[in-house]
Structure formats: structure tokens, C-alpha cells
C-alpha atoms as a PDB file:
ATOM      1  CA  MET A   1      10.440   4.076  25.355  1.00  0.00           C
ATOM      2  CA  LYS A   2       7.882   1.079  26.335  1.00  0.00           C
ATOM      3  CA  GLU A   3       7.341  -0.035  22.799  1.00  0.00           C
ATOM      4  CA  ILE A   4      11.136  -0.050  21.604  1.00  0.00           C
ATOM      5  CA  LEU A   5      11.859  -2.144  24.956  1.00  0.00           C
ATOM      6  CA  LYS A   6       9.371  -4.609  23.967  1.00  0.00           C
ATOM      7  CA  TYR A   7      11.428  -5.338  20.713  1.00  0.00           C
ATOM      8  CA  LEU A   8      14.356  -5.504  22.839  1.00  0.00           C
ATOM      9  CA  GLU A   9      13.010  -8.287  25.123  1.00  0.00           C
ATOM     10  CA  THR A  10      12.415 -10.337  21.782  1.00  0.00           C
ATOM     11  CA  GLY A  11      16.354 -11.165  22.224  1.00  0.00           C
ATOM     12  CA  VAL A  12      17.298 -10.331  18.833  1.00  0.00           C
ATOM     13  CA  LYS A  13      20.830  -9.060  19.091  1.00  0.00           C
ATOM     14  CA  TYR A  14      21.894  -5.678  17.242  1.00  0.00           C
ATOM     15  CA  ASP A  15      23.461  -2.564  18.003  1.00  0.00           C
ATOM     16  CA  ILE A  16      21.279  -0.589  20.919  1.00  0.00           C
ATOM     17  CA  LYS A  17      22.903   2.758  19.722  1.00  0.00           C
ATOM     18  CA  GLU A  18      21.455   2.909  16.425  1.00  0.00           C
ATOM     19  CA  ILE A  19      18.206   3.191  18.150  1.00  0.00           C
ATOM     20  CA  PHE A  20      18.704   6.087  19.812  1.00  0.00           C
ATOM     21  CA  ASN A  21      19.862   7.701  16.995  1.00  0.00           C
ATOM     22  CA  PRO A  22      16.171   8.591  16.265  1.00  0.00           C
ATOM     23  CA  PRO A  23      14.612   9.886  13.003  1.00  0.00           C
ATOM     24  CA  SER A  24      13.373  13.503  13.108  1.00  0.00           C
ATOM     25  CA  ASN A  25      11.281  15.483  10.225  1.00  0.00           C
ATOM     26  CA  ARG A  26      14.343  17.315   8.879  1.00  0.00           C
ATOM     27  CA  ASN A  27      14.844  16.571   5.128  1.00  0.00           C
ATOM     28  CA  ASP A  28      18.425  15.198   6.345  1.00  0.00           C
ATOM     29  CA  SER A  29      16.360  12.503   8.071  1.00  0.00           C
ATOM     30  CA  ILE A  30      13.149  11.646   6.558  1.00  0.00           C
ATOM     31  CA  GLN A  31      11.986  13.383   3.210  1.00  0.00           C
ATOM     32  CA  TYR A  32       8.400  14.382   2.467  1.00  0.00           C
ATOM     33  CA  LEU A  33       8.543  14.989  -1.443  1.00  0.00           C
ATOM     34  CA  LEU A  34       5.139  16.987  -2.529  1.00  0.00           C
ATOM     35  CA  PHE A  35       3.569  16.832  -5.767  1.00  0.00           C
ATOM     36  CA  THR A  36       0.391  18.929  -6.592  1.00  0.00           C
ATOM     37  CA  PRO A  37      -1.317  19.289  -9.816  1.00  0.00           C
ATOM     38  CA  GLU A  38       0.462  22.797  -9.827  1.00  0.00           C
ATOM     39  CA  ASN A  39       3.623  21.333  -9.666  1.00  0.00           C
ATOM     40  CA  PRO A  40       3.375  17.192 -10.674  1.00  0.00           C
ATOM     41  CA  HIS A  41       6.983  16.976 -11.573  1.00  0.00           C
ATOM     42  CA  ASN A  42       9.461  18.803  -9.450  1.00  0.00           C
ATOM     43  CA  ALA A  43       9.340  17.555  -5.744  1.00  0.00           C
ATOM     44  CA  LEU A  44       9.040  20.376  -3.105  1.00  0.00           C
ATOM     45  CA  TYR A  45      10.924  18.995  -0.006  1.00  0.00           C
ATOM     46  CA  ILE A  46       8.621  20.234   3.075  1.00  0.00           C
ATOM     47  CA  GLU A  47       9.558  19.769   6.808  1.00  0.00           C
ATOM     48  CA  PRO A  48       7.084  20.543  10.173  1.00  0.00           C
ATOM     49  CA  THR A  49       8.155  24.150  10.075  1.00  0.00           C
ATOM     50  CA  GLU A  50       6.005  26.296  12.075  1.00  0.00           C
ATOM     51  CA  ASN A  51       3.378  26.530   9.073  1.00  0.00           C
ATOM     52  CA  CYS A  52       4.100  23.204   7.553  1.00  0.00           C
ATOM     53  CA  ASN A  53       4.668  24.744   4.453  1.00  0.00           C
ATOM     54  CA  HIS A  54       0.777  24.852   3.901  1.00  0.00           C
ATOM     55  CA  THR A  55       1.198  27.615   1.164  1.00  0.00           C
ATOM     56  CA  LEU A  56       2.404  24.878  -0.986  1.00  0.00           C
ATOM     57  CA  PHE A  57      -0.650  22.778  -0.785  1.00  0.00           C
ATOM     58  CA  ASN A  58      -3.856  22.847  -2.622  1.00  0.00           C
ATOM     59  CA  ARG A  59      -6.410  23.212  -0.028  1.00  0.00           C
ATOM     60  CA  SER A  60      -9.061  21.851  -2.541  1.00  0.00           C
ATOM     61  CA  CYS A  61      -7.658  18.363  -3.086  1.00  0.00           C
ATOM     62  CA  GLY A  62      -6.932  15.067  -1.129  1.00  0.00           C
ATOM     63  CA  VAL A  63      -3.580  14.396   0.179  1.00  0.00           C
ATOM     64  CA  ILE A  64      -1.965  11.007  -0.634  1.00  0.00           C
ATOM     65  CA  PHE A  65       1.218   9.430   1.148  1.00  0.00           C
ATOM     66  CA  ILE A  66       2.949   7.124  -0.866  1.00  0.00           C
ATOM     67  CA  THR A  67       6.056   4.925   0.945  1.00  0.00           C
ATOM     68  CA  HIS A  68       8.253   2.335   0.147  1.00  0.00           C
ATOM     69  CA  GLY A  69       9.066  -0.770   2.236  1.00  0.00           C
ATOM     70  CA  TYR A  70      12.445  -2.581   3.279  1.00  0.00           C
ATOM     71  CA  LEU A  71      15.991  -2.025   1.593  1.00  0.00           C
ATOM     72  CA  THR A  72      13.947   0.162  -1.322  1.00  0.00           C
ATOM     73  CA  ARG A  73      15.553   3.196  -2.758  1.00  0.00           C
ATOM     74  CA  LEU A  74      13.929   5.784  -4.724  1.00  0.00           C
ATOM     75  CA  GLY A  75      15.997   5.637  -7.811  1.00  0.00           C
ATOM     76  CA  PRO A  76      15.292   7.147 -10.973  1.00  0.00           C
ATOM     77  CA  GLY A  77      12.319   5.739 -12.462  1.00  0.00           C
ATOM     78  CA  ASN A  78      11.024   3.931  -9.518  1.00  0.00           C
ATOM     79  CA  ILE A  79       7.476   2.751  -9.376  1.00  0.00           C
ATOM     80  CA  PHE A  80       6.135   5.188  -6.541  1.00  0.00           C
ATOM     81  CA  GLU A  81       6.767   8.421  -9.014  1.00  0.00           C
ATOM     82  CA  LYS A  82       4.980   6.484 -11.473  1.00  0.00           C
ATOM     83  CA  ILE A  83       1.773   5.572  -9.232  1.00  0.00           C
ATOM     84  CA  LYS A  84       2.295   9.472  -8.229  1.00  0.00           C
ATOM     85  CA  ASP A  85       1.814  10.313 -11.979  1.00  0.00           C
ATOM     86  CA  ALA A  86      -1.136   7.837 -12.722  1.00  0.00           C
ATOM     87  CA  ILE A  87      -3.129   9.498  -9.856  1.00  0.00           C
ATOM     88  CA  LEU A  88      -2.398  12.940 -10.421  1.00  0.00           C
ATOM     89  CA  ALA A  89      -3.830  12.240 -13.954  1.00  0.00           C
ATOM     90  CA  THR A  90      -7.001  10.857 -11.962  1.00  0.00           C
ATOM     91  CA  GLY A  91      -7.758  14.138 -10.170  1.00  0.00           C
ATOM     92  CA  CYS A  92      -6.888  16.703  -7.682  1.00  0.00           C
ATOM     93  CA  TYR A  93      -4.685  15.434  -4.997  1.00  0.00           C
ATOM     94  CA  ASN A  94      -1.521  16.799  -2.961  1.00  0.00           C
ATOM     95  CA  ILE A  95       0.663  13.691  -3.317  1.00  0.00           C
ATOM     96  CA  ILE A  96       3.677  13.391  -0.918  1.00  0.00           C
ATOM     97  CA  ILE A  97       6.122  10.355  -1.477  1.00  0.00           C
ATOM     98  CA  LEU A  98       7.969   9.114   1.876  1.00  0.00           C
ATOM     99  CA  ASN A  99      11.466   8.559   1.796  1.00  0.00           C
ATOM    100  CA  TRP A 100      12.648   6.877   5.321  1.00  0.00           C
ATOM    101  CA  PHE A 101      15.197   4.928   3.340  1.00  0.00           C
ATOM    102  CA  PRO A 102      17.968   5.493   6.243  1.00  0.00           C
ATOM    103  CA  TYR A 103      15.702   3.472   8.868  1.00  0.00           C
ATOM    104  CA  ALA A 104      14.525   0.951   6.071  1.00  0.00           C
ATOM    105  CA  VAL A 105      17.781  -1.105   6.003  1.00  0.00           C
ATOM    106  CA  PRO A 106      19.304  -3.942   8.179  1.00  0.00           C
ATOM    107  CA  PRO A 107      19.315  -5.672  10.772  1.00  0.00           C
ATOM    108  CA  TYR A 108      15.645  -6.287   9.757  1.00  0.00           C
ATOM    109  CA  ALA A 109      14.998  -6.249  13.656  1.00  0.00           C
ATOM    110  CA  LEU A 110      15.781  -2.784  13.850  1.00  0.00           C
ATOM    111  CA  ALA A 111      14.089  -1.734  10.441  1.00  0.00           C
ATOM    112  CA  ILE A 112      10.764  -3.198  12.293  1.00  0.00           C
ATOM    113  CA  VAL A 113      11.361  -0.961  15.583  1.00  0.00           C
ATOM    114  CA  ASN A 114      11.951   2.122  13.003  1.00  0.00           C
ATOM    115  CA  THR A 115       8.767   1.662  11.388  1.00  0.00           C
ATOM    116  CA  LEU A 116       7.415   2.444  15.039  1.00  0.00           C
ATOM    117  CA  LEU A 117       9.621   5.620  15.212  1.00  0.00           C
ATOM    118  CA  VAL A 118       9.110   6.882  11.761  1.00  0.00           C
ATOM    119  CA  GLY A 119       5.306   6.424  12.119  1.00  0.00           C
ATOM    120  CA  ASN A 120       5.154   8.487  14.890  1.00  0.00           C
ATOM    121  CA  LYS A 121       7.035  11.598  12.911  1.00  0.00           C
ATOM    122  CA  VAL A 122       4.873  11.005  10.229  1.00  0.00           C
ATOM    123  CA  ALA A 123       1.717  11.202  12.491  1.00  0.00           C
ATOM    124  CA  GLU A 124       3.249  14.559  13.680  1.00  0.00           C
ATOM    125  CA  MET A 125       3.842  15.599  10.284  1.00  0.00           C
ATOM    126  CA  ILE A 126       0.097  14.666   9.050  1.00  0.00           C
ATOM    127  CA  GLN A 127      -1.022  16.538  12.134  1.00  0.00           C
ATOM    128  CA  CYS A 128       0.741  19.912  11.293  1.00  0.00           C
ATOM    129  CA  ILE A 129      -0.320  19.563   7.516  1.00  0.00           C
ATOM    130  CA  ILE A 130      -4.289  19.012   9.079  1.00  0.00           C
ATOM    131  CA  ASN A 131      -4.043  22.124  11.160  1.00  0.00           C
ATOM    132  CA  ARG A 132      -2.119  24.569   8.790  1.00  0.00           C
ATOM    133  CA  THR A 133      -3.901  23.581   5.856  1.00  0.00           C
ATOM    134  CA  GLY A 134      -7.538  22.694   7.151  1.00  0.00           C
ATOM    135  CA  ILE A 135      -7.484  19.662   5.102  1.00  0.00           C
ATOM    136  CA  PRO A 136      -9.468  17.113   7.134  1.00  0.00           C
ATOM    137  CA  ALA A 137      -7.845  13.602   8.163  1.00  0.00           C
ATOM    138  CA  ASP A 138     -10.701  11.762   6.613  1.00  0.00           C
ATOM    139  CA  ARG A 139      -9.420  13.199   3.057  1.00  0.00           C
ATOM    140  CA  PHE A 140      -6.030  11.613   3.552  1.00  0.00           C
ATOM    141  CA  HIS A 141      -5.295   8.306   2.046  1.00  0.00           C
ATOM    142  CA  LEU A 142      -1.674   6.406   2.829  1.00  0.00           C
ATOM    143  CA  ILE A 143      -0.376   3.667   0.193  1.00  0.00           C
ATOM    144  CA  GLY A 144       2.542   1.544   1.783  1.00  0.00           C
ATOM    145  CA  HIS A 145       4.261  -1.477   0.524  1.00  0.00           C
ATOM    146  CA  SER A 146       6.001  -3.838   2.895  1.00  0.00           C
ATOM    147  CA  LEU A 147       7.346  -2.344   5.850  1.00  0.00           C
ATOM    148  CA  GLY A 148       6.122   0.654   4.479  1.00  0.00           C
ATOM    149  CA  ALA A 149       2.347  -0.334   5.015  1.00  0.00           C
ATOM    150  CA  HIS A 150       3.037  -1.573   8.501  1.00  0.00           C
ATOM    151  CA  LEU A 151       4.421   2.292   9.171  1.00  0.00           C
ATOM    152  CA  PHE A 152       1.409   3.932   7.851  1.00  0.00           C
ATOM    153  CA  GLY A 153      -0.347   1.489  10.458  1.00  0.00           C
ATOM    154  CA  ILE A 154       1.226   3.225  13.253  1.00  0.00           C
ATOM    155  CA  VAL A 155       0.383   6.484  11.652  1.00  0.00           C
ATOM    156  CA  GLY A 156      -3.462   5.254  11.809  1.00  0.00           C
ATOM    157  CA  LYS A 157      -3.077   4.345  15.364  1.00  0.00           C
ATOM    158  CA  ASN A 158      -2.014   7.938  16.060  1.00  0.00           C
ATOM    159  CA  ILE A 159      -4.618   9.739  13.718  1.00  0.00           C
ATOM    160  CA  PRO A 160      -7.519   7.094  14.075  1.00  0.00           C
ATOM    161  CA  ASN A 161      -9.656   9.040  11.511  1.00  0.00           C
ATOM    162  CA  ILE A 162      -7.668   8.871   8.464  1.00  0.00           C
ATOM    163  CA  GLY A 163      -9.763   8.344   5.600  1.00  0.00           C
ATOM    164  CA  ARG A 164      -8.064   5.027   4.218  1.00  0.00           C
ATOM    165  CA  LEU A 165      -5.043   2.883   4.523  1.00  0.00           C
ATOM    166  CA  SER A 166      -3.643   0.829   1.595  1.00  0.00           C
ATOM    167  CA  GLY A 167      -1.407  -1.915   2.214  1.00  0.00           C
ATOM    168  CA  GLU A 168       0.743  -3.688  -0.761  1.00  0.00           C
ATOM    169  CA  GLY A 169       2.559  -6.802  -0.660  1.00  0.00           C
ATOM    170  CA  LEU A 170       2.984  -9.884   1.783  1.00  0.00           C
ATOM    171  CA  GLY A 171      -0.045 -10.106   3.515  1.00  0.00           C
ATOM    172  CA  LEU A 172      -1.886 -12.955   5.780  1.00  0.00           C
ATOM    173  CA  TYR A 173      -4.609 -15.215   4.527  1.00  0.00           C
ATOM    174  CA  GLN A 174      -6.715 -13.840   7.591  1.00  0.00           C
ATOM    175  CA  SER A 175      -9.315 -10.349   7.179  1.00  0.00           C
ATOM    176  CA  ILE A 176      -7.647  -7.797   8.536  1.00  0.00           C
ATOM    177  CA  GLY A 177      -9.274  -4.757   6.361  1.00  0.00           C
ATOM    178  CA  TRP A 178     -12.519  -3.660   5.310  1.00  0.00           C
ATOM    179  CA  SER A 179     -11.644  -5.465   1.906  1.00  0.00           C
ATOM    180  CA  ASP A 180      -8.489  -8.043   1.829  1.00  0.00           C
ATOM    181  CA  PHE A 181      -7.240  -9.091  -1.755  1.00  0.00           C
ATOM    182  CA  PHE A 182      -5.523 -12.274  -2.715  1.00  0.00           C
ATOM    183  CA  PRO A 183      -4.016 -12.023  -6.300  1.00  0.00           C
ATOM    184  CA  ASN A 184      -3.742 -15.410  -7.651  1.00  0.00           C
ATOM    185  CA  GLY A 185      -4.281 -16.772  -4.141  1.00  0.00           C
ATOM    186  CA  GLY A 186      -1.729 -14.502  -2.714  1.00  0.00           C
ATOM    187  CA  ASN A 187       1.139 -16.882  -3.552  1.00  0.00           C
ATOM    188  CA  HIS A 188       2.767 -17.366  -6.665  1.00  0.00           C
ATOM    189  CA  GLN A 189       2.512 -14.881  -9.211  1.00  0.00           C
ATOM    190  CA  PRO A 190       2.849 -15.732 -13.071  1.00  0.00           C
ATOM    191  CA  HIS A 191       5.222 -13.494 -14.206  1.00  0.00           C
ATOM    192  CA  CYS A 192       7.542 -14.270 -11.524  1.00  0.00           C
ATOM    193  CA  GLN A 193       9.306 -17.407 -13.305  1.00  0.00           C
ATOM    194  CA  LYS A 194      13.082 -17.944 -13.494  1.00  0.00           C
ATOM    195  CA  GLY A 195      14.391 -16.276 -16.761  1.00  0.00           C
ATOM    196  CA  ASN A 196      11.978 -13.262 -16.483  1.00  0.00           C
ATOM    197  CA  VAL A 197      13.059  -9.784 -16.028  1.00  0.00           C
ATOM    198  CA  PHE A 198      11.161  -8.106 -13.389  1.00  0.00           C
ATOM    199  CA  ASP A 199      10.815  -4.177 -12.813  1.00  0.00           C
ATOM    200  CA  ARG A 200      11.692  -3.546  -9.443  1.00  0.00           C
ATOM    201  CA  PRO A 201      10.324  -0.851  -7.326  1.00  0.00           C
ATOM    202  CA  ASP A 202      13.496   0.978  -6.929  1.00  0.00           C
ATOM    203  CA  GLY A 203      13.463   1.406 -10.657  1.00  0.00           C
ATOM    204  CA  THR A 204      16.029  -1.400 -11.322  1.00  0.00           C
ATOM    205  CA  ASN A 205      15.928  -4.601 -13.416  1.00  0.00           C
ATOM    206  CA  LEU A 206      15.962  -7.872 -11.816  1.00  0.00           C
ATOM    207  CA  LYS A 207      16.603 -11.036 -14.061  1.00  0.00           C
ATOM    208  CA  LEU A 208      14.811 -13.897 -11.837  1.00  0.00           C
ATOM    209  CA  GLU A 209      17.071 -16.799 -11.285  1.00  0.00           C
ATOM    210  CA  THR A 210      16.985 -17.936  -7.916  1.00  0.00           C
ATOM    211  CA  PHE A 211      14.607 -18.674  -5.230  1.00  0.00           C
ATOM    212  CA  LEU A 212      15.197 -15.516  -3.642  1.00  0.00           C
ATOM    213  CA  ASP A 213      14.590 -13.479  -6.551  1.00  0.00           C
ATOM    214  CA  LEU A 214      11.367 -15.299  -7.135  1.00  0.00           C
ATOM    215  CA  ALA A 215      10.416 -14.509  -3.653  1.00  0.00           C
ATOM    216  CA  VAL A 216      11.053 -10.616  -4.252  1.00  0.00           C
ATOM    217  CA  CYS A 217       9.014 -10.682  -7.428  1.00  0.00           C
ATOM    218  CA  ASN A 218       6.074 -12.272  -5.603  1.00  0.00           C
ATOM    219  CA  HIS A 219       6.406  -9.638  -3.023  1.00  0.00           C
ATOM    220  CA  GLU A 220       6.858  -6.781  -5.074  1.00  0.00           C
ATOM    221  CA  ILE A 221       4.651  -7.118  -7.863  1.00  0.00           C
ATOM    222  CA  SER A 222       1.597  -6.169  -5.773  1.00  0.00           C
ATOM    223  CA  LEU A 223       2.898  -2.345  -6.581  1.00  0.00           C
ATOM    224  CA  GLN A 224       2.591  -2.929 -10.272  1.00  0.00           C
ATOM    225  CA  TYR A 225      -1.347  -4.090  -9.666  1.00  0.00           C
ATOM    226  CA  PHE A 226      -1.707  -1.359  -8.171  1.00  0.00           C
ATOM    227  CA  LEU A 227      -0.245   0.816 -10.854  1.00  0.00           C
ATOM    228  CA  TYR A 228      -2.272  -1.087 -13.367  1.00  0.00           C
ATOM    229  CA  SER A 229      -5.294  -0.492 -11.385  1.00  0.00           C
ATOM    230  CA  ILE A 230      -5.078   3.029 -11.296  1.00  0.00           C
ATOM    231  CA  GLN A 231      -4.117   3.438 -15.275  1.00  0.00           C
ATOM    232  CA  ASN A 232      -6.419   0.912 -17.505  1.00  0.00           C
ATOM    233  CA  CYS A 233      -7.201  -2.339 -15.328  1.00  0.00           C
ATOM    234  CA  THR A 234     -10.577  -3.022 -13.549  1.00  0.00           C
ATOM    235  CA  PHE A 235     -10.011  -5.798 -11.297  1.00  0.00           C
ATOM    236  CA  LEU A 236     -13.617  -6.891 -10.730  1.00  0.00           C
ATOM    237  CA  GLY A 237     -14.872  -9.434  -8.482  1.00  0.00           C
ATOM    238  CA  THR A 238     -18.405 -11.084  -7.511  1.00  0.00           C
ATOM    239  CA  GLU A 239     -19.107 -11.822  -4.163  1.00  0.00           C
ATOM    240  CA  CYS A 240     -19.607 -15.497  -3.139  1.00  0.00           C
ATOM    241  CA  GLU A 241     -19.435 -17.837  -0.650  1.00  0.00           C
ATOM    242  CA  SER A 242     -17.392 -20.869  -2.212  1.00  0.00           C
ATOM    243  CA  TYR A 243     -15.989 -21.911  -5.759  1.00  0.00           C
ATOM    244  CA  SER A 244     -18.570 -24.423  -6.217  1.00  0.00           C
ATOM    245  CA  ASP A 245     -21.483 -21.563  -6.194  1.00  0.00           C
ATOM    246  CA  LEU A 246     -19.649 -19.156  -8.712  1.00  0.00           C
ATOM    247  CA  GLU A 247     -21.527 -19.573 -11.465  1.00  0.00           C
ATOM    248  CA  ASN A 248     -24.524 -19.330  -9.145  1.00  0.00           C
ATOM    249  CA  CYS A 249     -23.280 -16.020  -7.892  1.00  0.00           C
ATOM    250  CA  ARG A 250     -22.468 -14.524 -11.402  1.00  0.00           C
ATOM    251  CA  SER A 251     -25.702 -14.947 -12.409  1.00  0.00           C
ATOM    252  CA  GLU A 252     -27.330 -13.647  -9.374  1.00  0.00           C
ATOM    253  CA  SER A 253     -25.224 -10.356 -10.009  1.00  0.00           C
ATOM    254  CA  LYS A 254     -24.178 -10.053  -6.372  1.00  0.00           C
ATOM    255  CA  SER A 255     -21.955  -7.550  -4.738  1.00  0.00           C
ATOM    256  CA  THR A 256     -18.855  -6.755  -6.507  1.00  0.00           C
ATOM    257  CA  ALA A 257     -15.563  -5.478  -5.465  1.00  0.00           C
ATOM    258  CA  ILE A 258     -12.959  -3.719  -7.171  1.00  0.00           C
ATOM    259  CA  MET A 259      -9.037  -4.263  -6.493  1.00  0.00           C
ATOM    260  CA  GLY A 260      -6.974  -1.406  -6.414  1.00  0.00           C
ATOM    261  CA  PHE A 261      -6.749   2.548  -6.085  1.00  0.00           C
ATOM    262  CA  PHE A 262     -10.576   2.536  -7.215  1.00  0.00           C
ATOM    263  CA  ILE A 263     -11.405   0.044  -4.775  1.00  0.00           C
ATOM    264  CA  MET A 264     -15.268  -0.266  -4.016  1.00  0.00           C
ATOM    265  CA  VAL A 265     -15.472  -1.684  -0.666  1.00  0.00           C
ATOM    266  CA  LEU A 266     -17.554  -4.109   0.832  1.00  0.00           C
ATOM    267  CA  ARG A 267     -18.847  -3.697   4.110  1.00  0.00           C
ATOM    268  CA  PHE A 268     -21.137  -5.574   6.239  1.00  0.00           C
ATOM    269  CA  TYR A 269     -22.919  -4.898   9.662  1.00  0.00           C
ATOM    270  CA  ARG A 270     -24.910  -6.284  12.200  1.00  0.00           C
ATOM    271  CA  ILE A 271     -26.357  -4.768  15.060  1.00  0.00           C
ATOM    272  CA  VAL A 272     -25.031  -5.653  18.593  1.00  0.00           C
ATOM    273  CA  GLU A 273     -26.922  -3.346  21.297  1.00  0.00           C
ATOM    274  CA  PRO A 274     -26.091  -0.768  21.425  1.00  0.00           C
ATOM    275  CA  TYR A 275     -23.961  -0.305  18.667  1.00  0.00           C
ATOM    276  CA  GLU A 276     -22.741  -1.688  15.291  1.00  0.00           C
ATOM    277  CA  THR A 277     -20.066  -4.075  14.749  1.00  0.00           C
ATOM    278  CA  SER A 278     -18.389  -4.551  11.454  1.00  0.00           C
ATOM    279  CA  PHE A 279     -17.690  -7.851   9.905  1.00  0.00           C
ATOM    280  CA  ARG A 280     -14.624  -7.871   7.387  1.00  0.00           C
ATOM    281  CA  TYR A 281     -14.710  -9.980   5.073  1.00  0.00           C
ATOM    282  CA  PRO A 282     -11.525 -10.811   2.646  1.00  0.00           C
ATOM    283  CA  VAL A 283     -11.692 -10.709  -1.176  1.00  0.00           C
ATOM    284  CA  ALA A 284     -10.029 -13.675  -2.461  1.00  0.00           C
ATOM    285  CA  LEU A 285      -8.236 -13.434  -5.839  1.00  0.00           C
ATOM    286  CA  ASN A 286      -7.283 -17.012  -6.938  1.00  0.00           C
ATOM    287  CA  SER A 287      -6.380 -16.014 -10.646  1.00  0.00           C
ATOM    288  CA  PRO A 288      -3.671 -16.343 -13.002  1.00  0.00           C
ATOM    289  CA  ILE A 289      -3.132 -12.245 -13.105  1.00  0.00           C
ATOM    290  CA  ASP A 290      -0.340 -12.165 -16.012  1.00  0.00           C
ATOM    291  CA  ILE A 291       0.937  -8.847 -16.649  1.00  0.00           C
ATOM    292  CA  GLU A 292       2.343  -9.686 -20.019  1.00  0.00           C
ATOM    293  CA  GLN A 293      -1.278 -10.515 -21.256  1.00  0.00           C
ATOM    294  CA  ILE A 294      -3.536  -7.640 -22.763  1.00  0.00           C
ATOM    295  CA  THR A 295      -6.763  -9.288 -21.557  1.00  0.00           C
ATOM    296  CA  GLN A 296      -7.882 -12.256 -19.527  1.00  0.00           C
ATOM    297  CA  GLN A 297     -11.119 -13.493 -17.973  1.00  0.00           C
ATOM    298  CA  SER A 298     -10.134 -15.595 -14.762  1.00  0.00           C
ATOM    299  CA  THR A 299     -11.340 -17.282 -11.778  1.00  0.00           C
ATOM    300  CA  PHE A 300     -11.173 -16.213  -7.988  1.00  0.00           C
ATOM    301  CA  PHE A 301     -11.200 -18.761  -5.230  1.00  0.00           C
ATOM    302  CA  GLN A 302     -10.438 -18.883  -1.750  1.00  0.00           C
ATOM    303  CA  GLU A 303     -11.698 -21.408   0.873  1.00  0.00           C
ATOM    304  CA  GLU A 304     -14.885 -21.751   2.233  1.00  0.00           C
ATOM    305  CA  ASN A 305     -16.353 -18.913   3.908  1.00  0.00           C
ATOM    306  CA  ARG A 306     -14.290 -16.482   2.097  1.00  0.00           C
ATOM    307  CA  TYR A 307     -15.308 -15.320  -1.649  1.00  0.00           C
ATOM    308  CA  ALA A 308     -14.929 -16.618  -4.866  1.00  0.00           C
ATOM    309  CA  LEU A 309     -14.508 -14.030  -7.602  1.00  0.00           C
ATOM    310  CA  THR A 310     -14.533 -14.026 -11.353  1.00  0.00           C
ATOM    311  CA  GLN A 311     -13.156 -11.041 -13.322  1.00  0.00           C
ATOM    312  CA  ASN A 312     -11.972  -9.257 -16.836  1.00  0.00           C
ATOM    313  CA  HIS A 313      -8.455  -8.020 -16.454  1.00  0.00           C
ATOM    314  CA  HIS A 314      -7.644  -5.397 -19.036  1.00  0.00           C
ATOM    315  CA  LEU A 315      -3.729  -5.656 -18.549  1.00  0.00           C
ATOM    316  CA  VAL A 316      -0.969  -3.656 -20.651  1.00  0.00           C
ATOM    317  CA  PRO A 317       2.552  -5.331 -21.034  1.00  0.00           C
ATOM    318  CA  LEU A 318       5.154  -3.916 -19.036  1.00  0.00           C
ATOM    319  CA  SER A 319       7.000  -0.814 -20.509  1.00  0.00           C
END
């Protein structure tokens, strides 16, 4: 309740009654669609019953949650199912697509509040799965787009030993994770140009005509990069202090980082008695990643004290 009141104090006006119709883990509220190696195509709707449907899970596999953001429905052909299929093709996973659309709708201020409420419920569900299946928290990977990334941040706060959190979409120039990626500098993406047709996450197509269309494309295209990283694209960067040193860094074969599902995390430590404190460096991608090109060699750059990177892209055209 204190967290909700904090949002109310911002002065944003909306119907307070809506807040007190809280989400629950019933399938008529928040939906958990489970897919496993034994059941890769037909969703099993699970709920936090006494046993959390634990018999439906493959206990030898890790667990991956995938979720959408603001105003995104899970329509036919949605990208979240494509990501699910791509991940299942790589190995043994229990994959849960989280559908919280009823709480990801206008007004936006209320949707922000709902990320807290839904995040708490999802944390309860994950804890139930951990308790009943015996799959440890460090084998859970949460992949969220837009507000869905913030929702999973709430989950991570409730279950601090979650194995991995991956956030897609609009970001910050500041480093906030173990590795932070900025495709094309984190700004305009080459495919997002007027006249192009963009495949939206919900499975619909959008012809890019207005400034808002372009903004939507630049925000949502990160999911396509993530999908391609699972399939046959390798986004590989070289650690470097500045763009001017880029060639030297390449010749010196410094540390590399891979963007996407198969990320190789760069971790830097210093000893601060009596414990270790982690440094977190962003991986800055400032290259023309064009999803319509088959291959491309690009240059990555971000301002001083970040990383300049080069990489060979092996990209496929949109289908």
C-alpha cells in the first residue's frame, strides 16, 4: 500500500477505484502460458494452486519467463511465441509467456502502478514454482519488454537470487546492468523509416508514416534483435575505451561481449575491504544494424569511458 500511495502523491489523476481491483494469479486475471520440450506448441495454463502444476514442468530444465509491455496483446503470430520457439530449439527449457494485458492499458500512470502489483504476484508464482519443482531461482531467466522489463525488476527485488534479467526496449545511457547495449547508439534504428512496414510484437503490421509510428518502431524493434540473436545472428563487440582507439583494441584482441540471448557478460571487480564491489560497464553499440541486410560489418561507439565496438552481423531479412 505504501508503494501505491507513493505513486498517488505524484498528482497524476486517474480513477483510484481501478487500483483496488488488484491483479491475481487466476487465469482470468494474469495468465501463465507454459511450454516445455515435451509440449512446445500447445500452451498449458498454470495457476498457483497448492502444487503449482509442478508435474507439468521438466525438472531437468531451467525456466524462462517472457512478457510484453504497455498496450501489447498476444495476438496470432506474436513475437513472444517466436522467441519461445527459437529458445526451445536451442536446449531444454520450461518457458512461460506471461500475459498481463488487462493491467498494461491506459492510463499510463496506472499501468506503471500495475507493474508493481503484477510484479509482486508474479514473484509469488515463481516462488511457488521453485518450492514445488525444486528448480532453483538461479536457473530462472526473465525476459521483459518495455514495462514488462520493469515488472520483472519488481520480481527480482522480491527474489534477489534470480539467475538473469533481460530488459528490452527504451533504455538509459547510464549503465544499470552487468552489460548494457545500445544498438545504433540507442537512438534511431535504420529500418524505422517512413514508408517501411514494421512487424509489431503483437503480430500485426504497421506502415511507418507518422513520427509516432517511428517512435514505436524504434522502441519495439529491440525484440527483433533479441529474436535474431537466438537464431543465427552473432552481435560481437570488442572492449575499448574510446572510438579513436578502436583499431588498436581490435588488434589487441581485448575482451568481447555478445548482445542478446547468448550474451557473454563482462564483469569487472575491485577489492574494497572487506568485500567486493562490482563495476558495471555499458556495451555501446553505435552501428547501422539493418534487419534487411544479410551481412554487415559495423562500428560501435559511445562517448568517453564507455566501449567502442566492432562486430560482424549475420542478419536475415524479416519474414
